[in-house]
Amino acid sequence: MNNEKKVNWKKIRICEDGLEAQLLRNLMEINNIPVRLLNVNSNNLFPDSSIADVVVEVPETYFDEAEKIIVENFDD
């Protein structure tokens, strides 16, 4: 039987390009927050398309902390 706890991922941002998503990923990793990026490959194939948006997700339990970090570093 698998004793691993299921992680509920929550979308924290949708980035229009891979560079912005990577910056957010690095920021989360520096702060020891697990992070995952979705649609990264589509972004590289179709950089000018809305289908290329990169979804940045963090575990639900880290969402508030991650949001605070993003606001402190990126939002005005």
PDB file of N, CA and C in Angstrom:
ATOM      1  N   MET A   1       0.833  -1.181   0.000  1.00  0.00           N
ATOM      2  CA  MET A   1       0.000   0.000   0.000  1.00  0.00           C
ATOM      3  C   MET A   1       0.880   1.248   0.000  1.00  0.00           C
ATOM      4  N   ASN A   2       0.506   2.238  -0.788  1.00  0.00           N
ATOM      5  CA  ASN A   2       1.261   3.468  -0.912  1.00  0.00           C
ATOM      6  C   ASN A   2       0.890   4.418   0.225  1.00  0.00           C
ATOM      7  N   ASN A   3       1.895   4.816   1.021  1.00  0.00           N
ATOM      8  CA  ASN A   3       1.652   5.709   2.147  1.00  0.00           C
ATOM      9  C   ASN A   3       1.859   7.180   1.809  1.00  0.00           C
ATOM     10  N   GLU A   4       2.192   7.470   0.544  1.00  0.00           N
ATOM     11  CA  GLU A   4       2.403   8.858   0.152  1.00  0.00           C
ATOM     12  C   GLU A   4       1.084   9.620   0.158  1.00  0.00           C
ATOM     13  N   LYS A   5       1.152  10.833   0.672  1.00  0.00           N
ATOM     14  CA  LYS A   5      -0.021  11.692   0.719  1.00  0.00           C
ATOM     15  C   LYS A   5      -0.207  12.342  -0.654  1.00  0.00           C
ATOM     16  N   LYS A   6      -1.439  12.371  -1.127  1.00  0.00           N
ATOM     17  CA  LYS A   6      -1.739  12.972  -2.421  1.00  0.00           C
ATOM     18  C   LYS A   6      -1.591  14.490  -2.324  1.00  0.00           C
ATOM     19  N   VAL A   7      -0.897  15.075  -3.306  1.00  0.00           N
ATOM     20  CA  VAL A   7      -0.704  16.523  -3.358  1.00  0.00           C
ATOM     21  C   VAL A   7      -1.798  17.122  -4.225  1.00  0.00           C
ATOM     22  N   ASN A   8      -2.484  18.107  -3.690  1.00  0.00           N
ATOM     23  CA  ASN A   8      -3.471  18.856  -4.460  1.00  0.00           C
ATOM     24  C   ASN A   8      -2.802  20.130  -4.965  1.00  0.00           C
ATOM     25  N   TRP A   9      -2.564  20.176  -6.273  1.00  0.00           N
ATOM     26  CA  TRP A   9      -1.900  21.319  -6.885  1.00  0.00           C
ATOM     27  C   TRP A   9      -2.930  22.400  -7.184  1.00  0.00           C
ATOM     28  N   LYS A  10      -2.502  23.649  -7.042  1.00  0.00           N
ATOM     29  CA  LYS A  10      -3.394  24.784  -7.281  1.00  0.00           C
ATOM     30  C   LYS A  10      -2.683  25.794  -8.186  1.00  0.00           C
ATOM     31  N   LYS A  11      -3.403  26.264  -9.194  1.00  0.00           N
ATOM     32  CA  LYS A  11      -2.855  27.233 -10.137  1.00  0.00           C
ATOM     33  C   LYS A  11      -2.620  28.562  -9.433  1.00  0.00           C
ATOM     34  N   ILE A  12      -1.408  29.076  -9.558  1.00  0.00           N
ATOM     35  CA  ILE A  12      -1.084  30.353  -8.931  1.00  0.00           C
ATOM     36  C   ILE A  12      -0.929  31.461  -9.973  1.00  0.00           C
ATOM     37  N   ARG A  13      -0.528  31.110 -11.172  1.00  0.00           N
ATOM     38  CA  ARG A  13      -0.397  32.081 -12.253  1.00  0.00           C
ATOM     39  C   ARG A  13      -0.485  31.369 -13.593  1.00  0.00           C
ATOM     40  N   ILE A  14      -0.869  32.134 -14.606  1.00  0.00           N
ATOM     41  CA  ILE A  14      -0.769  31.699 -15.991  1.00  0.00           C
ATOM     42  C   ILE A  14       0.161  32.698 -16.666  1.00  0.00           C
ATOM     43  N   CYS A  15       1.238  32.200 -17.218  1.00  0.00           N
ATOM     44  CA  CYS A  15       2.245  33.057 -17.844  1.00  0.00           C
ATOM     45  C   CYS A  15       2.123  32.944 -19.355  1.00  0.00           C
ATOM     46  N   GLU A  16       2.314  34.061 -20.019  1.00  0.00           N
ATOM     47  CA  GLU A  16       2.217  34.082 -21.474  1.00  0.00           C
ATOM     48  C   GLU A  16       3.488  33.583 -22.149  1.00  0.00           C
ATOM     49  N   ASP A  17       4.561  33.484 -21.396  1.00  0.00           N
ATOM     50  CA  ASP A  17       5.787  32.960 -21.996  1.00  0.00           C
ATOM     51  C   ASP A  17       6.567  32.124 -20.979  1.00  0.00           C
ATOM     52  N   GLY A  18       7.432  31.298 -21.508  1.00  0.00           N
ATOM     53  CA  GLY A  18       8.193  30.382 -20.669  1.00  0.00           C
ATOM     54  C   GLY A  18       9.183  31.075 -19.743  1.00  0.00           C
ATOM     55  N   LEU A  19       9.709  32.224 -20.169  1.00  0.00           N
ATOM     56  CA  LEU A  19      10.682  32.940 -19.346  1.00  0.00           C
ATOM     57  C   LEU A  19      10.047  33.409 -18.037  1.00  0.00           C
ATOM     58  N   GLU A  20       8.873  33.991 -18.131  1.00  0.00           N
ATOM     59  CA  GLU A  20       8.170  34.436 -16.925  1.00  0.00           C
ATOM     60  C   GLU A  20       7.882  33.246 -16.003  1.00  0.00           C
ATOM     61  N   ALA A  21       7.464  32.141 -16.585  1.00  0.00           N
ATOM     62  CA  ALA A  21       7.180  30.934 -15.797  1.00  0.00           C
ATOM     63  C   ALA A  21       8.444  30.421 -15.110  1.00  0.00           C
ATOM     64  N   GLN A  22       9.566  30.454 -15.801  1.00  0.00           N
ATOM     65  CA  GLN A  22      10.817  30.005 -15.204  1.00  0.00           C
ATOM     66  C   GLN A  22      11.244  30.918 -14.062  1.00  0.00           C
ATOM     67  N   LEU A  23      11.020  32.216 -14.207  1.00  0.00           N
ATOM     68  CA  LEU A  23      11.325  33.151 -13.119  1.00  0.00           C
ATOM     69  C   LEU A  23      10.502  32.823 -11.879  1.00  0.00           C
ATOM     70  N   LEU A  24       9.217  32.545 -12.084  1.00  0.00           N
ATOM     71  CA  LEU A  24       8.362  32.177 -10.957  1.00  0.00           C
ATOM     72  C   LEU A  24       8.809  30.857 -10.343  1.00  0.00           C
ATOM     73  N   ARG A  25       9.167  29.909 -11.188  1.00  0.00           N
ATOM     74  CA  ARG A  25       9.653  28.619 -10.686  1.00  0.00           C
ATOM     75  C   ARG A  25      10.887  28.817  -9.814  1.00  0.00           C
ATOM     76  N   ASN A  26      11.831  29.610 -10.309  1.00  0.00           N
ATOM     77  CA  ASN A  26      13.045  29.865  -9.538  1.00  0.00           C
ATOM     78  C   ASN A  26      12.729  30.540  -8.210  1.00  0.00           C
ATOM     79  N   LEU A  27      11.825  31.493  -8.225  1.00  0.00           N
ATOM     80  CA  LEU A  27      11.438  32.184  -6.998  1.00  0.00           C
ATOM     81  C   LEU A  27      10.841  31.212  -5.983  1.00  0.00           C
ATOM     82  N   MET A  28       9.990  30.313  -6.449  1.00  0.00           N
ATOM     83  CA  MET A  28       9.392  29.324  -5.550  1.00  0.00           C
ATOM     84  C   MET A  28      10.465  28.390  -5.004  1.00  0.00           C
ATOM     85  N   GLU A  29      11.346  27.909  -5.868  1.00  0.00           N
ATOM     86  CA  GLU A  29      12.382  26.972  -5.436  1.00  0.00           C
ATOM     87  C   GLU A  29      13.332  27.608  -4.428  1.00  0.00           C
ATOM     88  N   ILE A  30      13.681  28.880  -4.629  1.00  0.00           N
ATOM     89  CA  ILE A  30      14.535  29.589  -3.671  1.00  0.00           C
ATOM     90  C   ILE A  30      13.882  29.632  -2.295  1.00  0.00           C
ATOM     91  N   ASN A  31      12.554  29.699  -2.275  1.00  0.00           N
ATOM     92  CA  ASN A  31      11.806  29.773  -1.021  1.00  0.00           C
ATOM     93  C   ASN A  31      11.307  28.402  -0.551  1.00  0.00           C
ATOM     94  N   ASN A  32      11.866  27.338  -1.119  1.00  0.00           N
ATOM     95  CA  ASN A  32      11.537  25.952  -0.740  1.00  0.00           C
ATOM     96  C   ASN A  32      10.057  25.614  -0.892  1.00  0.00           C
ATOM     97  N   ILE A  33       9.452  26.142  -1.949  1.00  0.00           N
ATOM     98  CA  ILE A  33       8.057  25.837  -2.256  1.00  0.00           C
ATOM     99  C   ILE A  33       8.040  24.938  -3.489  1.00  0.00           C
ATOM    100  N   PRO A  34       7.448  23.763  -3.386  1.00  0.00           N
ATOM    101  CA  PRO A  34       7.343  22.895  -4.562  1.00  0.00           C
ATOM    102  C   PRO A  34       6.553  23.611  -5.663  1.00  0.00           C
ATOM    103  N   VAL A  35       6.937  23.397  -6.889  1.00  0.00           N
ATOM    104  CA  VAL A  35       6.291  24.079  -8.012  1.00  0.00           C
ATOM    105  C   VAL A  35       6.322  23.174  -9.226  1.00  0.00           C
ATOM    106  N   ARG A  36       5.328  23.320 -10.084  1.00  0.00           N
ATOM    107  CA  ARG A  36       5.364  22.611 -11.358  1.00  0.00           C
ATOM    108  C   ARG A  36       4.799  23.524 -12.438  1.00  0.00           C
ATOM    109  N   LEU A  37       5.319  23.335 -13.644  1.00  0.00           N
ATOM    110  CA  LEU A  37       4.894  24.110 -14.803  1.00  0.00           C
ATOM    111  C   LEU A  37       4.190  23.179 -15.771  1.00  0.00           C
ATOM    112  N   LEU A  38       3.066  23.629 -16.293  1.00  0.00           N
ATOM    113  CA  LEU A  38       2.306  22.840 -17.260  1.00  0.00           C
ATOM    114  C   LEU A  38       2.267  23.572 -18.597  1.00  0.00           C
ATOM    115  N   ASN A  39       2.328  22.838 -19.677  1.00  0.00           N
ATOM    116  CA  ASN A  39       2.284  23.362 -21.044  1.00  0.00           C
ATOM    117  C   ASN A  39       3.612  23.970 -21.479  1.00  0.00           C
ATOM    118  N   VAL A  40       4.691  23.627 -20.834  1.00  0.00           N
ATOM    119  CA  VAL A  40       5.989  24.195 -21.182  1.00  0.00           C
ATOM    120  C   VAL A  40       6.356  23.848 -22.624  1.00  0.00           C
ATOM    121  N   ASN A  41       6.155  22.620 -23.041  1.00  0.00           N
ATOM    122  CA  ASN A  41       6.523  22.221 -24.398  1.00  0.00           C
ATOM    123  C   ASN A  41       5.685  22.930 -25.441  1.00  0.00           C
ATOM    124  N   SER A  42       4.410  23.112 -25.188  1.00  0.00           N
ATOM    125  CA  SER A  42       3.566  23.850 -26.122  1.00  0.00           C
ATOM    126  C   SER A  42       4.057  25.271 -26.266  1.00  0.00           C
ATOM    127  N   ASN A  43       4.524  25.853 -25.167  1.00  0.00           N
ATOM    128  CA  ASN A  43       5.013  27.226 -25.208  1.00  0.00           C
ATOM    129  C   ASN A  43       6.214  27.341 -26.129  1.00  0.00           C
ATOM    130  N   ASN A  44       7.087  26.381 -26.088  1.00  0.00           N
ATOM    131  CA  ASN A  44       8.263  26.421 -26.958  1.00  0.00           C
ATOM    132  C   ASN A  44       7.889  26.244 -28.424  1.00  0.00           C
ATOM    133  N   LEU A  45       6.849  25.485 -28.703  1.00  0.00           N
ATOM    134  CA  LEU A  45       6.430  25.238 -30.076  1.00  0.00           C
ATOM    135  C   LEU A  45       5.612  26.380 -30.650  1.00  0.00           C
ATOM    136  N   PHE A  46       4.774  27.020 -29.814  1.00  0.00           N
ATOM    137  CA  PHE A  46       3.857  28.053 -30.272  1.00  0.00           C
ATOM    138  C   PHE A  46       3.952  29.301 -29.391  1.00  0.00           C
ATOM    139  N   PRO A  47       5.087  30.011 -29.403  1.00  0.00           N
ATOM    140  CA  PRO A  47       5.287  31.122 -28.467  1.00  0.00           C
ATOM    141  C   PRO A  47       4.319  32.291 -28.639  1.00  0.00           C
ATOM    142  N   ASP A  48       3.724  32.469 -29.807  1.00  0.00           N
ATOM    143  CA  ASP A  48       2.810  33.590 -30.024  1.00  0.00           C
ATOM    144  C   ASP A  48       1.345  33.184 -29.939  1.00  0.00           C
ATOM    145  N   SER A  49       1.078  32.041 -29.394  1.00  0.00           N
ATOM    146  CA  SER A  49      -0.282  31.512 -29.354  1.00  0.00           C
ATOM    147  C   SER A  49      -0.783  31.445 -27.917  1.00  0.00           C
ATOM    148  N   SER A  50      -2.076  31.684 -27.729  1.00  0.00           N
ATOM    149  CA  SER A  50      -2.651  31.573 -26.384  1.00  0.00           C
ATOM    150  C   SER A  50      -2.619  30.136 -25.889  1.00  0.00           C
ATOM    151  N   ILE A  51      -2.505  29.178 -26.814  1.00  0.00           N
ATOM    152  CA  ILE A  51      -2.409  27.783 -26.412  1.00  0.00           C
ATOM    153  C   ILE A  51      -1.073  27.519 -25.714  1.00  0.00           C
ATOM    154  N   ALA A  52      -0.155  28.473 -25.856  1.00  0.00           N
ATOM    155  CA  ALA A  52       1.182  28.300 -25.314  1.00  0.00           C
ATOM    156  C   ALA A  52       1.314  28.776 -23.877  1.00  0.00           C
ATOM    157  N   ASP A  53       0.259  29.285 -23.282  1.00  0.00           N
ATOM    158  CA  ASP A  53       0.342  29.752 -21.909  1.00  0.00           C
ATOM    159  C   ASP A  53       0.896  28.665 -20.997  1.00  0.00           C
ATOM    160  N   VAL A  54       1.727  29.080 -20.049  1.00  0.00           N
ATOM    161  CA  VAL A  54       2.319  28.153 -19.089  1.00  0.00           C
ATOM    162  C   VAL A  54       1.618  28.354 -17.748  1.00  0.00           C
ATOM    163  N   VAL A  55       1.082  27.275 -17.224  1.00  0.00           N
ATOM    164  CA  VAL A  55       0.395  27.307 -15.937  1.00  0.00           C
ATOM    165  C   VAL A  55       1.408  26.976 -14.843  1.00  0.00           C
ATOM    166  N   VAL A  56       1.471  27.839 -13.843  1.00  0.00           N
ATOM    167  CA  VAL A  56       2.358  27.633 -12.707  1.00  0.00           C
ATOM    168  C   VAL A  56       1.503  27.182 -11.536  1.00  0.00           C
ATOM    169  N   GLU A  57       1.845  26.029 -10.968  1.00  0.00           N
ATOM    170  CA  GLU A  57       1.076  25.472  -9.853  1.00  0.00           C
ATOM    171  C   GLU A  57       1.980  25.198  -8.657  1.00  0.00           C
ATOM    172  N   VAL A  58       1.378  25.339  -7.489  1.00  0.00           N
ATOM    173  CA  VAL A  58       2.031  24.980  -6.231  1.00  0.00           C
ATOM    174  C   VAL A  58       1.064  24.116  -5.443  1.00  0.00           C
ATOM    175  N   PRO A  59       1.566  23.329  -4.508  1.00  0.00           N
ATOM    176  CA  PRO A  59       0.643  22.562  -3.663  1.00  0.00           C
ATOM    177  C   PRO A  59      -0.289  23.518  -2.907  1.00  0.00           C
ATOM    178  N   GLU A  60      -1.516  23.099  -2.765  1.00  0.00           N
ATOM    179  CA  GLU A  60      -2.535  23.911  -2.110  1.00  0.00           C
ATOM    180  C   GLU A  60      -2.077  24.424  -0.744  1.00  0.00           C
ATOM    181  N   THR A  61      -1.334  23.611  -0.014  1.00  0.00           N
ATOM    182  CA  THR A  61      -0.886  24.000   1.328  1.00  0.00           C
ATOM    183  C   THR A  61       0.142  25.136   1.299  1.00  0.00           C
ATOM    184  N   TYR A  62       0.767  25.375   0.155  1.00  0.00           N
ATOM    185  CA  TYR A  62       1.755  26.446   0.010  1.00  0.00           C
ATOM    186  C   TYR A  62       1.183  27.670  -0.707  1.00  0.00           C
ATOM    187  N   PHE A  63      -0.067  27.616  -1.124  1.00  0.00           N
ATOM    188  CA  PHE A  63      -0.621  28.650  -1.992  1.00  0.00           C
ATOM    189  C   PHE A  63      -0.513  30.054  -1.394  1.00  0.00           C
ATOM    190  N   ASP A  64      -0.953  30.246  -0.166  1.00  0.00           N
ATOM    191  CA  ASP A  64      -0.942  31.581   0.447  1.00  0.00           C
ATOM    192  C   ASP A  64       0.472  32.134   0.565  1.00  0.00           C
ATOM    193  N   GLU A  65       1.397  31.291   0.970  1.00  0.00           N
ATOM    194  CA  GLU A  65       2.792  31.704   1.092  1.00  0.00           C
ATOM    195  C   GLU A  65       3.370  32.072  -0.277  1.00  0.00           C
ATOM    196  N   ALA A  66       3.070  31.255  -1.278  1.00  0.00           N
ATOM    197  CA  ALA A  66       3.570  31.512  -2.633  1.00  0.00           C
ATOM    198  C   ALA A  66       2.979  32.803  -3.193  1.00  0.00           C
ATOM    199  N   GLU A  67       1.715  33.021  -2.976  1.00  0.00           N
ATOM    200  CA  GLU A  67       1.054  34.242  -3.457  1.00  0.00           C
ATOM    201  C   GLU A  67       1.698  35.476  -2.821  1.00  0.00           C
ATOM    202  N   LYS A  68       1.967  35.416  -1.544  1.00  0.00           N
ATOM    203  CA  LYS A  68       2.598  36.526  -0.842  1.00  0.00           C
ATOM    204  C   LYS A  68       3.975  36.816  -1.435  1.00  0.00           C
ATOM    205  N   ILE A  69       4.740  35.786  -1.700  1.00  0.00           N
ATOM    206  CA  ILE A  69       6.085  35.938  -2.268  1.00  0.00           C
ATOM    207  C   ILE A  69       6.007  36.571  -3.651  1.00  0.00           C
ATOM    208  N   ILE A  70       5.057  36.148  -4.464  1.00  0.00           N
ATOM    209  CA  ILE A  70       4.906  36.709  -5.813  1.00  0.00           C
ATOM    210  C   ILE A  70       4.521  38.180  -5.735  1.00  0.00           C
ATOM    211  N   VAL A  71       3.584  38.508  -4.888  1.00  0.00           N
ATOM    212  CA  VAL A  71       3.152  39.897  -4.746  1.00  0.00           C
ATOM    213  C   VAL A  71       4.322  40.778  -4.281  1.00  0.00           C
ATOM    214  N   GLU A  72       5.101  40.298  -3.337  1.00  0.00           N
ATOM    215  CA  GLU A  72       6.241  41.065  -2.824  1.00  0.00           C
ATOM    216  C   GLU A  72       7.325  41.284  -3.884  1.00  0.00           C
ATOM    217  N   ASN A  73       7.444  40.358  -4.833  1.00  0.00           N
ATOM    218  CA  ASN A  73       8.522  40.424  -5.796  1.00  0.00           C
ATOM    219  C   ASN A  73       8.126  40.897  -7.191  1.00  0.00           C
ATOM    220  N   PHE A  74       6.865  40.770  -7.564  1.00  0.00           N
ATOM    221  CA  PHE A  74       6.471  41.081  -8.935  1.00  0.00           C
ATOM    222  C   PHE A  74       5.340  42.094  -9.055  1.00  0.00           C
ATOM    223  N   ASP A  75       4.352  42.003  -8.208  1.00  0.00           N
ATOM    224  CA  ASP A  75       3.187  42.861  -8.357  1.00  0.00           C
ATOM    225  C   ASP A  75       3.429  44.217  -7.696  1.00  0.00           C
ATOM    226  N   ASP A  76       2.817  45.229  -8.268  1.00  0.00           N
ATOM    227  CA  ASP A  76       2.945  46.587  -7.700  1.00  0.00           C
ATOM    228  C   ASP A  76       1.964  46.820  -6.590  1.00  0.00           C
TER     229      ASP A  76
END
